PDB file of all heavy atoms in Angstrom:
ATOM      1  N   GLY A   1     -21.997 -27.719 -19.191  1.00  0.00           N
ATOM      2  CA  GLY A   1     -22.001 -26.458 -19.929  1.00  0.00           C
ATOM      3  C   GLY A   1     -20.907 -26.322 -20.959  1.00  0.00           C
ATOM      4  O   GLY A   1     -20.760 -25.255 -21.571  1.00  0.00           O
ATOM      5  N   TYR A   2     -20.138 -27.395 -21.192  1.00  0.00           N
ATOM      6  CA  TYR A   2     -19.004 -27.296 -22.123  1.00  0.00           C
ATOM      7  C   TYR A   2     -19.474 -26.992 -23.542  1.00  0.00           C
ATOM      8  O   TYR A   2     -18.895 -26.145 -24.226  1.00  0.00           O
ATOM      9  CB  TYR A   2     -18.192 -28.597 -22.112  1.00  0.00           C
ATOM     10  CG  TYR A   2     -16.805 -28.438 -22.692  1.00  0.00           C
ATOM     11  CD1 TYR A   2     -15.707 -28.226 -21.872  1.00  0.00           C
ATOM     12  CD2 TYR A   2     -16.586 -28.480 -24.078  1.00  0.00           C
ATOM     13  CE1 TYR A   2     -14.436 -28.064 -22.393  1.00  0.00           C
ATOM     14  CE2 TYR A   2     -15.324 -28.316 -24.610  1.00  0.00           C
ATOM     15  CZ  TYR A   2     -14.257 -28.105 -23.759  1.00  0.00           C
ATOM     16  OH  TYR A   2     -13.005 -27.920 -24.288  1.00  0.00           O
ATOM     17  N   ARG A   3     -20.519 -27.673 -23.971  1.00  0.00           N
ATOM     18  CA  ARG A   3     -20.991 -27.484 -25.347  1.00  0.00           C
ATOM     19  C   ARG A   3     -21.427 -26.050 -25.593  1.00  0.00           C
ATOM     20  O   ARG A   3     -21.156 -25.481 -26.661  1.00  0.00           O
ATOM     21  CB  ARG A   3     -22.160 -28.434 -25.599  1.00  0.00           C
ATOM     22  CG  ARG A   3     -22.701 -28.476 -27.011  1.00  0.00           C
ATOM     23  CD  ARG A   3     -21.694 -29.088 -27.945  1.00  0.00           C
ATOM     24  NE  ARG A   3     -20.899 -28.091 -28.653  1.00  0.00           N
ATOM     25  CZ  ARG A   3     -19.750 -28.342 -29.258  1.00  0.00           C
ATOM     26  NH1 ARG A   3     -19.234 -29.541 -29.239  1.00  0.00           N
ATOM     27  NH2 ARG A   3     -19.103 -27.390 -29.897  1.00  0.00           N
ATOM     28  N   GLU A   4     -22.065 -25.438 -24.611  1.00  0.00           N
ATOM     29  CA  GLU A   4     -22.528 -24.059 -24.769  1.00  0.00           C
ATOM     30  C   GLU A   4     -21.349 -23.099 -24.891  1.00  0.00           C
ATOM     31  O   GLU A   4     -21.362 -22.175 -25.726  1.00  0.00           O
ATOM     32  CB  GLU A   4     -23.418 -23.660 -23.592  1.00  0.00           C
ATOM     33  CG  GLU A   4     -24.778 -24.345 -23.564  1.00  0.00           C
ATOM     34  CD  GLU A   4     -24.712 -25.799 -23.094  1.00  0.00           C
ATOM     35  OE1 GLU A   4     -23.655 -26.211 -22.578  1.00  0.00           O
ATOM     36  OE2 GLU A   4     -25.719 -26.516 -23.254  1.00  0.00           O
ATOM     37  N   ARG A   5     -20.319 -23.277 -24.057  1.00  0.00           N
ATOM     38  CA  ARG A   5     -19.130 -22.420 -24.151  1.00  0.00           C
ATOM     39  C   ARG A   5     -18.434 -22.600 -25.494  1.00  0.00           C
ATOM     40  O   ARG A   5     -17.978 -21.631 -26.115  1.00  0.00           O
ATOM     41  CB  ARG A   5     -18.172 -22.739 -23.004  1.00  0.00           C
ATOM     42  CG  ARG A   5     -18.573 -22.141 -21.670  1.00  0.00           C
ATOM     43  CD  ARG A   5     -17.623 -22.560 -20.566  1.00  0.00           C
ATOM     44  NE  ARG A   5     -17.839 -23.956 -20.214  1.00  0.00           N
ATOM     45  CZ  ARG A   5     -16.981 -24.690 -19.493  1.00  0.00           C
ATOM     46  NH1 ARG A   5     -15.822 -24.175 -19.117  1.00  0.00           N
ATOM     47  NH2 ARG A   5     -17.257 -25.939 -19.203  1.00  0.00           N
ATOM     48  N   ALA A   6     -18.363 -23.850 -25.945  1.00  0.00           N
ATOM     49  CA  ALA A   6     -17.725 -24.118 -27.233  1.00  0.00           C
ATOM     50  C   ALA A   6     -18.492 -23.449 -28.369  1.00  0.00           C
ATOM     51  O   ALA A   6     -17.897 -22.845 -29.272  1.00  0.00           O
ATOM     52  CB  ALA A   6     -17.624 -25.619 -27.468  1.00  0.00           C
ATOM     53  N   ASP A   7     -19.806 -23.534 -28.330  1.00  0.00           N
ATOM     54  CA  ASP A   7     -20.622 -22.935 -29.396  1.00  0.00           C
ATOM     55  C   ASP A   7     -20.466 -21.424 -29.434  1.00  0.00           C
ATOM     56  O   ASP A   7     -20.441 -20.816 -30.520  1.00  0.00           O
ATOM     57  CB  ASP A   7     -22.095 -23.314 -29.202  1.00  0.00           C
ATOM     58  CG  ASP A   7     -22.391 -24.759 -29.569  1.00  0.00           C
ATOM     59  OD1 ASP A   7     -21.562 -25.375 -30.265  1.00  0.00           O
ATOM     60  OD2 ASP A   7     -23.451 -25.265 -29.150  1.00  0.00           O
ATOM     61  N   ARG A   8     -20.349 -20.796 -28.265  1.00  0.00           N
ATOM     62  CA  ARG A   8     -20.156 -19.337 -28.242  1.00  0.00           C
ATOM     63  C   ARG A   8     -18.810 -18.957 -28.859  1.00  0.00           C
ATOM     64  O   ARG A   8     -18.717 -17.979 -29.609  1.00  0.00           O
ATOM     65  CB  ARG A   8     -20.260 -18.818 -26.810  1.00  0.00           C
ATOM     66  CG  ARG A   8     -21.694 -18.791 -26.271  1.00  0.00           C
ATOM     67  CD  ARG A   8     -21.795 -17.954 -25.012  1.00  0.00           C
ATOM     68  NE  ARG A   8     -21.071 -18.543 -23.897  1.00  0.00           N
ATOM     69  CZ  ARG A   8     -21.593 -19.406 -23.027  1.00  0.00           C
ATOM     70  NH1 ARG A   8     -22.863 -19.800 -23.151  1.00  0.00           N
ATOM     71  NH2 ARG A   8     -20.869 -19.882 -22.029  1.00  0.00           N
ATOM     72  N   LEU A   9     -17.767 -19.722 -28.557  1.00  0.00           N
ATOM     73  CA  LEU A   9     -16.448 -19.450 -29.144  1.00  0.00           C
ATOM     74  C   LEU A   9     -16.495 -19.639 -30.649  1.00  0.00           C
ATOM     75  O   LEU A   9     -15.975 -18.799 -31.412  1.00  0.00           O
ATOM     76  CB  LEU A   9     -15.401 -20.366 -28.521  1.00  0.00           C
ATOM     77  CG  LEU A   9     -14.004 -20.334 -29.155  1.00  0.00           C
ATOM     78  CD1 LEU A   9     -13.414 -18.925 -29.122  1.00  0.00           C
ATOM     79  CD2 LEU A   9     -13.066 -21.320 -28.453  1.00  0.00           C
ATOM     80  N   ILE A  10     -17.111 -20.708 -31.100  1.00  0.00           N
ATOM     81  CA  ILE A  10     -17.208 -20.962 -32.540  1.00  0.00           C
ATOM     82  C   ILE A  10     -17.940 -19.816 -33.232  1.00  0.00           C
ATOM     83  O   ILE A  10     -17.508 -19.327 -34.284  1.00  0.00           O
ATOM     84  CB  ILE A  10     -17.936 -22.305 -32.796  1.00  0.00           C
ATOM     85  CG1 ILE A  10     -17.050 -23.472 -32.355  1.00  0.00           C
ATOM     86  CG2 ILE A  10     -18.294 -22.453 -34.278  1.00  0.00           C
ATOM     87  CD1 ILE A  10     -17.770 -24.808 -32.317  1.00  0.00           C
ATOM     88  N   GLY A  11     -19.032 -19.370 -32.645  1.00  0.00           N
ATOM     89  CA  GLY A  11     -19.794 -18.279 -33.239  1.00  0.00           C
ATOM     90  C   GLY A  11     -18.982 -17.010 -33.381  1.00  0.00           C
ATOM     91  O   GLY A  11     -19.047 -16.332 -34.418  1.00  0.00           O
ATOM     92  N   ARG A  12     -18.220 -16.665 -32.354  1.00  0.00           N
ATOM     93  CA  ARG A  12     -17.398 -15.451 -32.427  1.00  0.00           C
ATOM     94  C   ARG A  12     -16.337 -15.554 -33.518  1.00  0.00           C
ATOM     95  O   ARG A  12     -16.150 -14.633 -34.308  1.00  0.00           O
ATOM     96  CB  ARG A  12     -16.725 -15.192 -31.075  1.00  0.00           C
ATOM     97  CG  ARG A  12     -17.590 -14.479 -30.064  1.00  0.00           C
ATOM     98  CD  ARG A  12     -16.738 -13.795 -29.015  1.00  0.00           C
ATOM     99  NE  ARG A  12     -15.852 -12.772 -29.579  1.00  0.00           N
ATOM    100  CZ  ARG A  12     -14.993 -12.055 -28.852  1.00  0.00           C
ATOM    101  NH1 ARG A  12     -14.907 -12.261 -27.532  1.00  0.00           N
ATOM    102  NH2 ARG A  12     -14.227 -11.154 -29.408  1.00  0.00           N
ATOM    103  N   VAL A  13     -15.637 -16.679 -33.553  1.00  0.00           N
ATOM    104  CA  VAL A  13     -14.554 -16.813 -34.536  1.00  0.00           C
ATOM    105  C   VAL A  13     -15.115 -16.768 -35.958  1.00  0.00           C
ATOM    106  O   VAL A  13     -14.607 -16.028 -36.817  1.00  0.00           O
ATOM    107  CB  VAL A  13     -13.773 -18.119 -34.300  1.00  0.00           C
ATOM    108  CG1 VAL A  13     -12.828 -18.394 -35.473  1.00  0.00           C
ATOM    109  CG2 VAL A  13     -12.977 -18.035 -32.999  1.00  0.00           C
ATOM    110  N   LEU A  14     -16.150 -17.510 -36.218  1.00  0.00           N
ATOM    111  CA  LEU A  14     -16.687 -17.563 -37.581  1.00  0.00           C
ATOM    112  C   LEU A  14     -17.261 -16.225 -38.028  1.00  0.00           C
ATOM    113  O   LEU A  14     -17.250 -15.902 -39.223  1.00  0.00           O
ATOM    114  CB  LEU A  14     -17.751 -18.651 -37.694  1.00  0.00           C
ATOM    115  CG  LEU A  14     -17.266 -20.093 -37.463  1.00  0.00           C
ATOM    116  CD1 LEU A  14     -18.418 -21.074 -37.667  1.00  0.00           C
ATOM    117  CD2 LEU A  14     -16.092 -20.448 -38.368  1.00  0.00           C
ATOM    118  N   SER A  15     -17.746 -15.428 -37.084  1.00  0.00           N
ATOM    119  CA  SER A  15     -18.324 -14.132 -37.450  1.00  0.00           C
ATOM    120  C   SER A  15     -17.294 -13.015 -37.496  1.00  0.00           C
ATOM    121  O   SER A  15     -17.478 -12.028 -38.216  1.00  0.00           O
ATOM    122  CB  SER A  15     -19.446 -13.758 -36.475  1.00  0.00           C
ATOM    123  OG  SER A  15     -18.929 -13.563 -35.164  1.00  0.00           O
ATOM    124  N   GLU A  16     -16.182 -13.156 -36.763  1.00  0.00           N
ATOM    125  CA  GLU A  16     -15.221 -12.067 -36.641  1.00  0.00           C
ATOM    126  C   GLU A  16     -13.921 -12.270 -37.413  1.00  0.00           C
ATOM    127  O   GLU A  16     -13.162 -11.320 -37.621  1.00  0.00           O
ATOM    128  CB  GLU A  16     -14.874 -11.833 -35.161  1.00  0.00           C
ATOM    129  CG  GLU A  16     -16.069 -11.396 -34.313  1.00  0.00           C
ATOM    130  CD  GLU A  16     -15.696 -11.184 -32.858  1.00  0.00           C
ATOM    131  OE1 GLU A  16     -14.506 -10.931 -32.578  1.00  0.00           O
ATOM    132  OE2 GLU A  16     -16.607 -11.263 -32.001  1.00  0.00           O
ATOM    133  N   VAL A  17     -13.634 -13.488 -37.840  1.00  0.00           N
ATOM    134  CA  VAL A  17     -12.368 -13.759 -38.541  1.00  0.00           C
ATOM    135  C   VAL A  17     -12.681 -14.148 -39.983  1.00  0.00           C
ATOM    136  O   VAL A  17     -13.119 -15.278 -40.247  1.00  0.00           O
ATOM    137  CB  VAL A  17     -11.570 -14.885 -37.849  1.00  0.00           C
ATOM    138  CG1 VAL A  17     -10.233 -15.096 -38.564  1.00  0.00           C
ATOM    139  CG2 VAL A  17     -11.350 -14.577 -36.376  1.00  0.00           C
ATOM    140  N   PRO A  18     -12.471 -13.254 -40.928  1.00  0.00           N
ATOM    141  CA  PRO A  18     -12.773 -13.553 -42.332  1.00  0.00           C
ATOM    142  C   PRO A  18     -11.996 -14.779 -42.816  1.00  0.00           C
ATOM    143  O   PRO A  18     -10.801 -14.907 -42.570  1.00  0.00           O
ATOM    144  CB  PRO A  18     -12.319 -12.287 -43.067  1.00  0.00           C
ATOM    145  CG  PRO A  18     -12.373 -11.199 -42.035  1.00  0.00           C
ATOM    146  CD  PRO A  18     -11.990 -11.860 -40.742  1.00  0.00           C
ATOM    147  N   GLY A  19     -12.692 -15.669 -43.486  1.00  0.00           N
ATOM    148  CA  GLY A  19     -12.051 -16.861 -44.033  1.00  0.00           C
ATOM    149  C   GLY A  19     -11.902 -18.004 -43.053  1.00  0.00           C
ATOM    150  O   GLY A  19     -11.415 -19.082 -43.430  1.00  0.00           O
ATOM    151  N   SER A  20     -12.304 -17.806 -41.803  1.00  0.00           N
ATOM    152  CA  SER A  20     -12.161 -18.883 -40.818  1.00  0.00           C
ATOM    153  C   SER A  20     -13.201 -19.964 -41.063  1.00  0.00           C
ATOM    154  O   SER A  20     -14.297 -19.705 -41.571  1.00  0.00           O
ATOM    155  CB  SER A  20     -12.301 -18.326 -39.398  1.00  0.00           C
ATOM    156  OG  SER A  20     -13.586 -17.759 -39.202  1.00  0.00           O
ATOM    157  N   LYS A  21     -12.851 -21.177 -40.688  1.00  0.00           N
ATOM    158  CA  LYS A  21     -13.775 -22.310 -40.816  1.00  0.00           C
ATOM    159  C   LYS A  21     -13.370 -23.391 -39.847  1.00  0.00           C
ATOM    160  O   LYS A  21     -12.193 -23.506 -39.464  1.00  0.00           O
ATOM    161  CB  LYS A  21     -13.770 -22.858 -42.245  1.00  0.00           C
ATOM    162  CG  LYS A  21     -12.457 -23.459 -42.715  1.00  0.00           C
ATOM    163  CD  LYS A  21     -12.575 -23.959 -44.141  1.00  0.00           C
ATOM    164  CE  LYS A  21     -11.305 -24.668 -44.633  1.00  0.00           C
ATOM    165  NZ  LYS A  21     -10.128 -23.776 -44.672  1.00  0.00           N
ATOM    166  N   LEU A  22     -14.347 -24.175 -39.438  1.00  0.00           N
ATOM    167  CA  LEU A  22     -14.061 -25.317 -38.587  1.00  0.00           C
ATOM    168  C   LEU A  22     -13.399 -26.426 -39.398  1.00  0.00           C
ATOM    169  O   LEU A  22     -13.614 -26.546 -40.608  1.00  0.00           O
ATOM    170  CB  LEU A  22     -15.347 -25.846 -37.965  1.00  0.00           C
ATOM    171  CG  LEU A  22     -15.961 -25.010 -36.842  1.00  0.00           C
ATOM    172  CD1 LEU A  22     -17.361 -25.500 -36.532  1.00  0.00           C
ATOM    173  CD2 LEU A  22     -15.091 -25.062 -35.593  1.00  0.00           C
ATOM    174  N   SER A  23     -12.615 -27.232 -38.722  1.00  0.00           N
ATOM    175  CA  SER A  23     -12.069 -28.419 -39.357  1.00  0.00           C
ATOM    176  C   SER A  23     -13.212 -29.307 -39.838  1.00  0.00           C
ATOM    177  O   SER A  23     -14.251 -29.420 -39.185  1.00  0.00           O
ATOM    178  CB  SER A  23     -11.201 -29.177 -38.355  1.00  0.00           C
ATOM    179  OG  SER A  23     -10.892 -30.453 -38.833  1.00  0.00           O
ATOM    180  N   SER A  24     -13.023 -29.952 -40.971  1.00  0.00           N
ATOM    181  CA  SER A  24     -14.077 -30.806 -41.519  1.00  0.00           C
ATOM    182  C   SER A  24     -14.353 -32.022 -40.647  1.00  0.00           C
ATOM    183  O   SER A  24     -15.381 -32.681 -40.808  1.00  0.00           O
ATOM    184  CB  SER A  24     -13.710 -31.250 -42.940  1.00  0.00           C
ATOM    185  OG  SER A  24     -12.509 -32.003 -42.934  1.00  0.00           O
ATOM    186  N   ASP A  25     -13.439 -32.344 -39.704  1.00  0.00           N
ATOM    187  CA  ASP A  25     -13.688 -33.459 -38.794  1.00  0.00           C
ATOM    188  C   ASP A  25     -14.133 -32.991 -37.412  1.00  0.00           C
ATOM    189  O   ASP A  25     -14.048 -33.746 -36.442  1.00  0.00           O
ATOM    190  CB  ASP A  25     -12.461 -34.366 -38.690  1.00  0.00           C
ATOM    191  CG  ASP A  25     -11.288 -33.703 -37.967  1.00  0.00           C
ATOM    192  OD1 ASP A  25     -11.343 -32.476 -37.720  1.00  0.00           O
ATOM    193  OD2 ASP A  25     -10.323 -34.419 -37.648  1.00  0.00           O
ATOM    194  N   GLN A  26     -14.658 -31.767 -37.328  1.00  0.00           N
ATOM    195  CA  GLN A  26     -15.099 -31.259 -36.028  1.00  0.00           C
ATOM    196  C   GLN A  26     -16.160 -32.172 -35.404  1.00  0.00           C
ATOM    197  O   GLN A  26     -16.233 -32.311 -34.187  1.00  0.00           O
ATOM    198  CB  GLN A  26     -15.653 -29.834 -36.178  1.00  0.00           C
ATOM    199  CG  GLN A  26     -16.084 -29.187 -34.868  1.00  0.00           C
ATOM    200  CD  GLN A  26     -14.938 -28.991 -33.880  1.00  0.00           C
ATOM    201  OE1 GLN A  26     -13.839 -28.601 -34.261  1.00  0.00           O
ATOM    202  NE2 GLN A  26     -15.183 -29.274 -32.614  1.00  0.00           N
ATOM    203  N   PHE A  27     -16.955 -32.807 -36.221  1.00  0.00           N
ATOM    204  CA  PHE A  27     -17.991 -33.703 -35.693  1.00  0.00           C
ATOM    205  C   PHE A  27     -17.418 -34.888 -34.925  1.00  0.00           C
ATOM    206  O   PHE A  27     -18.126 -35.550 -34.156  1.00  0.00           O
ATOM    207  CB  PHE A  27     -18.894 -34.210 -36.837  1.00  0.00           C
ATOM    208  CG  PHE A  27     -18.237 -35.198 -37.751  1.00  0.00           C
ATOM    209  CD1 PHE A  27     -18.383 -36.559 -37.558  1.00  0.00           C
ATOM    210  CD2 PHE A  27     -17.451 -34.766 -38.819  1.00  0.00           C
ATOM    211  CE1 PHE A  27     -17.783 -37.482 -38.406  1.00  0.00           C
ATOM    212  CE2 PHE A  27     -16.840 -35.679 -39.667  1.00  0.00           C
ATOM    213  CZ  PHE A  27     -17.011 -37.036 -39.463  1.00  0.00           C
ATOM    214  N   CYS A  28     -16.115 -35.172 -35.110  1.00  0.00           N
ATOM    215  CA  CYS A  28     -15.463 -36.282 -34.421  1.00  0.00           C
ATOM    216  C   CYS A  28     -14.853 -35.865 -33.085  1.00  0.00           C
ATOM    217  O   CYS A  28     -14.266 -36.698 -32.399  1.00  0.00           O
ATOM    218  CB  CYS A  28     -14.337 -36.852 -35.282  1.00  0.00           C
ATOM    219  SG  CYS A  28     -14.851 -37.582 -36.836  1.00  0.00           S
ATOM    220  N   ARG A  29     -14.966 -34.582 -32.726  1.00  0.00           N
ATOM    221  CA  ARG A  29     -14.283 -34.054 -31.545  1.00  0.00           C
ATOM    222  C   ARG A  29     -15.233 -33.970 -30.353  1.00  0.00           C
ATOM    223  O   ARG A  29     -16.397 -33.611 -30.505  1.00  0.00           O
ATOM    224  CB  ARG A  29     -13.677 -32.685 -31.858  1.00  0.00           C
ATOM    225  CG  ARG A  29     -12.618 -32.781 -32.946  1.00  0.00           C
ATOM    226  CD  ARG A  29     -12.115 -31.424 -33.436  1.00  0.00           C
ATOM    227  NE  ARG A  29     -11.250 -31.623 -34.590  1.00  0.00           N
ATOM    228  CZ  ARG A  29      -9.929 -31.776 -34.521  1.00  0.00           C
ATOM    229  NH1 ARG A  29      -9.316 -31.687 -33.352  1.00  0.00           N
ATOM    230  NH2 ARG A  29      -9.224 -31.984 -35.607  1.00  0.00           N
ATOM    231  N   ILE A  30     -14.707 -34.273 -29.167  1.00  0.00           N
ATOM    232  CA  ILE A  30     -15.497 -34.237 -27.947  1.00  0.00           C
ATOM    233  C   ILE A  30     -15.299 -32.920 -27.205  1.00  0.00           C
ATOM    234  O   ILE A  30     -16.266 -32.226 -26.876  1.00  0.00           O
ATOM    235  CB  ILE A  30     -15.141 -35.428 -27.039  1.00  0.00           C
ATOM    236  CG1 ILE A  30     -15.446 -36.751 -27.771  1.00  0.00           C
ATOM    237  CG2 ILE A  30     -15.909 -35.357 -25.716  1.00  0.00           C
ATOM    238  CD1 ILE A  30     -15.000 -37.990 -27.012  1.00  0.00           C
ATOM    239  N   PHE A  31     -14.047 -32.541 -26.944  1.00  0.00           N
ATOM    240  CA  PHE A  31     -13.760 -31.313 -26.210  1.00  0.00           C
ATOM    241  C   PHE A  31     -13.014 -30.276 -27.052  1.00  0.00           C
ATOM    242  O   PHE A  31     -13.064 -29.085 -26.762  1.00  0.00           O
ATOM    243  CB  PHE A  31     -12.931 -31.621 -24.954  1.00  0.00           C
ATOM    244  CG  PHE A  31     -13.648 -32.504 -23.968  1.00  0.00           C
ATOM    245  CD1 PHE A  31     -13.261 -33.819 -23.777  1.00  0.00           C
ATOM    246  CD2 PHE A  31     -14.726 -32.025 -23.245  1.00  0.00           C
ATOM    247  CE1 PHE A  31     -13.919 -34.634 -22.873  1.00  0.00           C
ATOM    248  CE2 PHE A  31     -15.401 -32.837 -22.346  1.00  0.00           C
ATOM    249  CZ  PHE A  31     -14.994 -34.143 -22.159  1.00  0.00           C
ATOM    250  N   ASP A  32     -12.331 -30.715 -28.072  1.00  0.00           N
ATOM    251  CA  ASP A  32     -11.505 -29.814 -28.862  1.00  0.00           C
ATOM    252  C   ASP A  32     -12.336 -29.063 -29.899  1.00  0.00           C
ATOM    253  O   ASP A  32     -13.274 -29.609 -30.478  1.00  0.00           O
ATOM    254  CB  ASP A  32     -10.408 -30.612 -29.578  1.00  0.00           C
ATOM    255  CG  ASP A  32      -9.417 -29.716 -30.286  1.00  0.00           C
ATOM    256  OD1 ASP A  32      -8.676 -28.999 -29.595  1.00  0.00           O
ATOM    257  OD2 ASP A  32      -9.398 -29.735 -31.525  1.00  0.00           O
TER     258      ASP A  32
END
């Protein structure tokens, strides 16, 4: 269930924090 928890956190931050963005190397990350 790690991926699902991570996706929920990402969704909240990107929708609630203006100007926020994921690191461009997020695709290289396993847990972070």
